[in-house]
Amino acid sequence: HSAVEILLTLEGTVTYTVEDKLYQVRKGEILIVPPDTLHSLSMGEGSSRYLFLFEPDAIMSMRDIKYMASYFNKPFHLRDGSDAHVRIRELLLRANDAYEKREMLWNTLCYSCILRIYAILGQHYLGSIRPHTGDSTGNMDAEVVNAVMTYVNNHYREDLTLEEVAQFAGFSRYYFSRSFKK
């Protein structure tokens, strides 16, 4: 299916098979399965879990997440007990609470939790992908170039135009062209 699937095991163990790889997800652990990935699950006796499904289009349209999109195309098994893992678990519980209460704007509240989860994943688990320097302007240009290179690599068989690629990067054609040349 096209949804991202996030599992939070509440009790016992849930076994996931994701593209022939086995994951034993125990109490308190989290497994994030990317969209369009073949998977199945089975639950041990006495096990319980929350299962979250969401369409990733809204969050994948954000420039910095687009840049890291290829890194989000693999499962994440969070079990290290780190501060990031704990914060993500708390956000999932908050999203579940909003879903169950169905208060005004509950869907927006759920997506805001998901967005924060992806920000934490990017900062904590994927933070070593790009070098950190004090020059934020240079990083911005490097991010644009890296995002575009990933986009072009993923769509090289299509008839791409400068306008389309600039739109993907979130810039005007002129600014994108100038930045890319640098």
C-alpha atoms as a PDB file:
ATOM      1  CA  HIS A   1       0.000   0.000   0.000  1.00  0.00           C
ATOM      2  CA  SER A   2       1.030   3.597  -0.472  1.00  0.00           C
ATOM      3  CA  ALA A   3       0.827   4.530   3.215  1.00  0.00           C
ATOM      4  CA  VAL A   4       3.691   4.668   5.684  1.00  0.00           C
ATOM      5  CA  GLU A   5       3.052   2.193   8.489  1.00  0.00           C
ATOM      6  CA  ILE A   6       4.277   2.872  12.022  1.00  0.00           C
ATOM      7  CA  LEU A   7       4.028   0.217  14.695  1.00  0.00           C
ATOM      8  CA  LEU A   8       4.355   0.895  18.424  1.00  0.00           C
ATOM      9  CA  THR A   9       4.328  -2.328  20.429  1.00  0.00           C
ATOM     10  CA  LEU A  10       2.504  -1.883  23.743  1.00  0.00           C
ATOM     11  CA  GLU A  11       2.845  -5.424  25.126  1.00  0.00           C
ATOM     12  CA  GLY A  12       4.656  -8.596  24.044  1.00  0.00           C
ATOM     13  CA  THR A  13       6.266  -8.935  20.638  1.00  0.00           C
ATOM     14  CA  VAL A  14       5.087  -8.219  17.113  1.00  0.00           C
ATOM     15  CA  THR A  15       7.001  -9.917  14.311  1.00  0.00           C
ATOM     16  CA  TYR A  16       7.254  -8.066  11.025  1.00  0.00           C
ATOM     17  CA  THR A  17       8.647  -9.421   7.794  1.00  0.00           C
ATOM     18  CA  VAL A  18       9.699  -6.540   5.562  1.00  0.00           C
ATOM     19  CA  GLU A  19      11.006  -7.627   2.160  1.00  0.00           C
ATOM     20  CA  ASP A  20      12.361 -10.923   3.562  1.00  0.00           C
ATOM     21  CA  LYS A  21      13.960  -9.306   6.636  1.00  0.00           C
ATOM     22  CA  LEU A  22      12.570 -10.251  10.042  1.00  0.00           C
ATOM     23  CA  TYR A  23      11.986  -7.647  12.787  1.00  0.00           C
ATOM     24  CA  GLN A  24      11.062  -8.638  16.344  1.00  0.00           C
ATOM     25  CA  VAL A  25       9.428  -5.485  17.723  1.00  0.00           C
ATOM     26  CA  ARG A  26       9.157  -5.707  21.502  1.00  0.00           C
ATOM     27  CA  LYS A  27       7.298  -3.598  24.069  1.00  0.00           C
ATOM     28  CA  GLY A  28       8.125   0.093  23.647  1.00  0.00           C
ATOM     29  CA  GLU A  29       9.902  -0.422  20.329  1.00  0.00           C
ATOM     30  CA  ILE A  30       8.859   1.234  17.095  1.00  0.00           C
ATOM     31  CA  LEU A  31       9.049   0.047  13.505  1.00  0.00           C
ATOM     32  CA  ILE A  32       8.496   2.419  10.597  1.00  0.00           C
ATOM     33  CA  VAL A  33       7.766   0.697   7.277  1.00  0.00           C
ATOM     34  CA  PRO A  34       8.065   2.890   4.172  1.00  0.00           C
ATOM     35  CA  PRO A  35       5.301   3.040   1.569  1.00  0.00           C
ATOM     36  CA  ASP A  36       5.045   0.496  -1.238  1.00  0.00           C
ATOM     37  CA  THR A  37       7.143  -2.016   0.702  1.00  0.00           C
ATOM     38  CA  LEU A  38       6.122  -5.667   0.851  1.00  0.00           C
ATOM     39  CA  HIS A  39       5.517  -6.615   4.493  1.00  0.00           C
ATOM     40  CA  SER A  40       3.468  -8.750   6.853  1.00  0.00           C
ATOM     41  CA  LEU A  41       3.034  -8.995  10.603  1.00  0.00           C
ATOM     42  CA  SER A  42       2.132 -11.547  13.217  1.00  0.00           C
ATOM     43  CA  MET A  43       1.465 -10.953  16.866  1.00  0.00           C
ATOM     44  CA  GLY A  44       2.606 -13.079  19.759  1.00  0.00           C
ATOM     45  CA  GLU A  45       0.077 -14.242  22.311  1.00  0.00           C
ATOM     46  CA  GLY A  46      -0.827 -11.442  24.725  1.00  0.00           C
ATOM     47  CA  SER A  47       0.712  -8.832  22.468  1.00  0.00           C
ATOM     48  CA  SER A  48      -0.878  -5.472  21.723  1.00  0.00           C
ATOM     49  CA  ARG A  49       0.118  -2.567  19.544  1.00  0.00           C
ATOM     50  CA  TYR A  50      -0.837   0.715  17.986  1.00  0.00           C
ATOM     51  CA  LEU A  51      -0.667   0.795  14.230  1.00  0.00           C
ATOM     52  CA  PHE A  52      -0.515   4.133  12.427  1.00  0.00           C
ATOM     53  CA  LEU A  53      -1.046   4.475   8.679  1.00  0.00           C
ATOM     54  CA  PHE A  54      -0.642   7.768   6.864  1.00  0.00           C
ATOM     55  CA  GLU A  55      -0.139   8.976   3.333  1.00  0.00           C
ATOM     56  CA  PRO A  56       3.314  10.586   3.152  1.00  0.00           C
ATOM     57  CA  ASP A  57       2.546  13.174   0.446  1.00  0.00           C
ATOM     58  CA  ALA A  58       2.020  16.071   2.862  1.00  0.00           C
ATOM     59  CA  ILE A  59       5.309  15.658   4.685  1.00  0.00           C
ATOM     60  CA  MET A  60       7.335  14.559   1.653  1.00  0.00           C
ATOM     61  CA  SER A  61       6.521  17.865  -0.033  1.00  0.00           C
ATOM     62  CA  MET A  62       8.743  19.712   2.448  1.00  0.00           C
ATOM     63  CA  ARG A  63      12.108  20.626   0.939  1.00  0.00           C
ATOM     64  CA  ASP A  64      14.399  19.276   3.665  1.00  0.00           C
ATOM     65  CA  ILE A  65      12.466  16.009   3.912  1.00  0.00           C
ATOM     66  CA  LYS A  66      12.517  15.675   0.091  1.00  0.00           C
ATOM     67  CA  TYR A  67      16.291  16.025   0.302  1.00  0.00           C
ATOM     68  CA  MET A  68      16.431  13.023   2.627  1.00  0.00           C
ATOM     69  CA  ALA A  69      13.645  11.050   0.913  1.00  0.00           C
ATOM     70  CA  SER A  70      15.907   8.216  -0.225  1.00  0.00           C
ATOM     71  CA  TYR A  71      16.954   7.646   3.404  1.00  0.00           C
ATOM     72  CA  PHE A  72      13.332   7.311   4.484  1.00  0.00           C
ATOM     73  CA  ASN A  73      12.822   4.475   1.984  1.00  0.00           C
ATOM     74  CA  LYS A  74      14.107   1.873   4.409  1.00  0.00           C
ATOM     75  CA  PRO A  75      12.554   0.531   7.598  1.00  0.00           C
ATOM     76  CA  PHE A  76      13.496   2.164  10.908  1.00  0.00           C
ATOM     77  CA  HIS A  77      13.506  -0.100  13.960  1.00  0.00           C
ATOM     78  CA  LEU A  78      13.772   2.172  16.984  1.00  0.00           C
ATOM     79  CA  ARG A  79      14.846   0.235  20.027  1.00  0.00           C
ATOM     80  CA  ASP A  80      17.876   2.051  21.363  1.00  0.00           C
ATOM     81  CA  GLY A  81      16.076   3.831  24.222  1.00  0.00           C
ATOM     82  CA  SER A  82      17.696   7.104  23.217  1.00  0.00           C
ATOM     83  CA  ASP A  83      16.104  10.471  23.932  1.00  0.00           C
ATOM     84  CA  ALA A  84      14.983  10.568  20.279  1.00  0.00           C
ATOM     85  CA  HIS A  85      13.352   7.132  20.566  1.00  0.00           C
ATOM     86  CA  VAL A  86      11.493   8.205  23.730  1.00  0.00           C
ATOM     87  CA  ARG A  87      10.332  11.466  22.133  1.00  0.00           C
ATOM     88  CA  ILE A  88       9.050   9.614  19.055  1.00  0.00           C
ATOM     89  CA  ARG A  89       7.149   7.156  21.255  1.00  0.00           C
ATOM     90  CA  GLU A  90       5.571  10.088  23.144  1.00  0.00           C
ATOM     91  CA  LEU A  91       4.543  11.723  19.857  1.00  0.00           C
ATOM     92  CA  LEU A  92       2.898   8.493  18.694  1.00  0.00           C
ATOM     93  CA  LEU A  93       0.949   8.288  21.950  1.00  0.00           C
ATOM     94  CA  ARG A  94      -0.101  11.935  21.525  1.00  0.00           C
ATOM     95  CA  ALA A  95      -1.217  11.234  17.934  1.00  0.00           C
ATOM     96  CA  ASN A  96      -3.215   8.224  19.095  1.00  0.00           C
ATOM     97  CA  ASP A  97      -4.863  10.317  21.809  1.00  0.00           C
ATOM     98  CA  ALA A  98      -5.862  12.991  19.257  1.00  0.00           C
ATOM     99  CA  TYR A  99      -7.216  10.276  16.957  1.00  0.00           C
ATOM    100  CA  GLU A 100      -9.296   8.643  19.686  1.00  0.00           C
ATOM    101  CA  LYS A 101     -10.740  11.921  21.035  1.00  0.00           C
ATOM    102  CA  ARG A 102     -11.578  13.232  17.533  1.00  0.00           C
ATOM    103  CA  GLU A 103     -11.495  16.807  18.747  1.00  0.00           C
ATOM    104  CA  MET A 104     -11.510  19.709  16.305  1.00  0.00           C
ATOM    105  CA  LEU A 105      -8.525  19.493  13.914  1.00  0.00           C
ATOM    106  CA  TRP A 106      -7.579  16.029  15.184  1.00  0.00           C
ATOM    107  CA  ASN A 107      -6.192  15.045  11.761  1.00  0.00           C
ATOM    108  CA  THR A 108      -3.944  18.113  11.713  1.00  0.00           C
ATOM    109  CA  LEU A 109      -2.768  17.289  15.226  1.00  0.00           C
ATOM    110  CA  CYS A 110      -1.907  13.748  14.127  1.00  0.00           C
ATOM    111  CA  TYR A 111       0.028  14.981  11.096  1.00  0.00           C
ATOM    112  CA  SER A 112       1.882  17.535  13.214  1.00  0.00           C
ATOM    113  CA  CYS A 113       3.085  14.647  15.399  1.00  0.00           C
ATOM    114  CA  ILE A 114       4.149  12.702  12.307  1.00  0.00           C
ATOM    115  CA  LEU A 115       6.015  15.737  10.985  1.00  0.00           C
ATOM    116  CA  ARG A 116       7.864  16.093  14.292  1.00  0.00           C
ATOM    117  CA  ILE A 117       8.687  12.375  14.198  1.00  0.00           C
ATOM    118  CA  TYR A 118      10.300  12.778  10.776  1.00  0.00           C
ATOM    119  CA  ALA A 119      12.230  15.814  11.998  1.00  0.00           C
ATOM    120  CA  ILE A 120      13.570  13.789  14.939  1.00  0.00           C
ATOM    121  CA  LEU A 121      14.429  10.871  12.662  1.00  0.00           C
ATOM    122  CA  GLY A 122      16.319  13.218  10.368  1.00  0.00           C
ATOM    123  CA  GLN A 123      18.173  14.998  13.137  1.00  0.00           C
ATOM    124  CA  HIS A 124      19.028  12.031  15.344  1.00  0.00           C
ATOM    125  CA  TYR A 125      19.251   8.978  13.126  1.00  0.00           C
ATOM    126  CA  LEU A 126      20.228  10.598   9.815  1.00  0.00           C
ATOM    127  CA  GLY A 127      22.152  13.610  11.117  1.00  0.00           C
ATOM    128  CA  SER A 128      25.471  12.378   9.774  1.00  0.00           C
ATOM    129  CA  ILE A 129      24.323  12.429   6.144  1.00  0.00           C
ATOM    130  CA  ARG A 130      25.484  15.924   5.353  1.00  0.00           C
ATOM    131  CA  PRO A 131      28.367  17.856   6.868  1.00  0.00           C
ATOM    132  CA  HIS A 132      27.480  20.571   9.356  1.00  0.00           C
ATOM    133  CA  THR A 133      29.272  23.865   8.843  1.00  0.00           C
ATOM    134  CA  GLY A 134      28.712  27.315  10.231  1.00  0.00           C
ATOM    135  CA  ASP A 135      27.809  28.651   6.779  1.00  0.00           C
ATOM    136  CA  SER A 136      24.054  28.201   6.520  1.00  0.00           C
ATOM    137  CA  THR A 137      23.945  29.743   3.032  1.00  0.00           C
ATOM    138  CA  GLY A 138      26.402  27.125   1.751  1.00  0.00           C
ATOM    139  CA  ASN A 139      24.394  24.342   3.343  1.00  0.00           C
ATOM    140  CA  MET A 140      21.215  25.612   1.712  1.00  0.00           C
ATOM    141  CA  ASP A 141      22.793  25.490  -1.727  1.00  0.00           C
ATOM    142  CA  ALA A 142      24.319  22.072  -1.000  1.00  0.00           C
ATOM    143  CA  GLU A 143      20.927  20.781   0.145  1.00  0.00           C
ATOM    144  CA  VAL A 144      19.275  22.031  -3.022  1.00  0.00           C
ATOM    145  CA  VAL A 145      21.917  20.421  -5.222  1.00  0.00           C
ATOM    146  CA  ASN A 146      21.781  17.118  -3.311  1.00  0.00           C
ATOM    147  CA  ALA A 147      17.977  17.042  -3.387  1.00  0.00           C
ATOM    148  CA  VAL A 148      17.976  17.760  -7.104  1.00  0.00           C
ATOM    149  CA  MET A 149      20.601  15.103  -7.783  1.00  0.00           C
ATOM    150  CA  THR A 150      18.477  12.553  -5.917  1.00  0.00           C
ATOM    151  CA  TYR A 151      15.380  13.703  -7.811  1.00  0.00           C
ATOM    152  CA  VAL A 152      17.136  13.520 -11.198  1.00  0.00           C
ATOM    153  CA  ASN A 153      18.565  10.076 -10.353  1.00  0.00           C
ATOM    154  CA  ASN A 154      15.082   8.843  -9.457  1.00  0.00           C
ATOM    155  CA  HIS A 155      13.452  10.356 -12.574  1.00  0.00           C
ATOM    156  CA  TYR A 156      16.186  10.235 -15.216  1.00  0.00           C
ATOM    157  CA  ARG A 157      14.008   8.237 -17.607  1.00  0.00           C
ATOM    158  CA  GLU A 158      11.424  11.022 -17.710  1.00  0.00           C
ATOM    159  CA  ASP A 159      11.591  14.089 -19.913  1.00  0.00           C
ATOM    160  CA  LEU A 160      12.636  16.586 -17.209  1.00  0.00           C
ATOM    161  CA  THR A 161      12.687  20.339 -17.742  1.00  0.00           C
ATOM    162  CA  LEU A 162      14.533  23.041 -15.828  1.00  0.00           C
ATOM    163  CA  GLU A 163      11.148  24.443 -14.768  1.00  0.00           C
ATOM    164  CA  GLU A 164      10.040  21.108 -13.245  1.00  0.00           C
ATOM    165  CA  VAL A 165      13.296  20.541 -11.395  1.00  0.00           C
ATOM    166  CA  ALA A 166      13.308  24.122 -10.069  1.00  0.00           C
ATOM    167  CA  GLN A 167       9.714  23.667  -8.892  1.00  0.00           C
ATOM    168  CA  PHE A 168      10.706  20.421  -7.149  1.00  0.00           C
ATOM    169  CA  ALA A 169      13.503  22.288  -5.352  1.00  0.00           C
ATOM    170  CA  GLY A 170      11.058  24.992  -4.316  1.00  0.00           C
ATOM    171  CA  PHE A 171      12.764  27.866  -6.124  1.00  0.00           C
ATOM    172  CA  SER A 172      12.205  30.042  -9.122  1.00  0.00           C
ATOM    173  CA  ARG A 173      13.796  28.848 -12.314  1.00  0.00           C
ATOM    174  CA  TYR A 174      16.281  31.749 -12.239  1.00  0.00           C
ATOM    175  CA  TYR A 175      17.403  31.260  -8.622  1.00  0.00           C
ATOM    176  CA  PHE A 176      17.639  27.505  -8.994  1.00  0.00           C
ATOM    177  CA  SER A 177      19.682  27.751 -12.187  1.00  0.00           C
ATOM    178  CA  ARG A 178      22.107  30.208 -10.556  1.00  0.00           C
ATOM    179  CA  SER A 179      22.471  28.070  -7.401  1.00  0.00           C
ATOM    180  CA  PHE A 180      22.908  24.866  -9.333  1.00  0.00           C
ATOM    181  CA  LYS A 181      25.695  26.383 -11.468  1.00  0.00           C
ATOM    182  CA  LYS A 182      27.630  27.254  -8.301  1.00  0.00           C
END
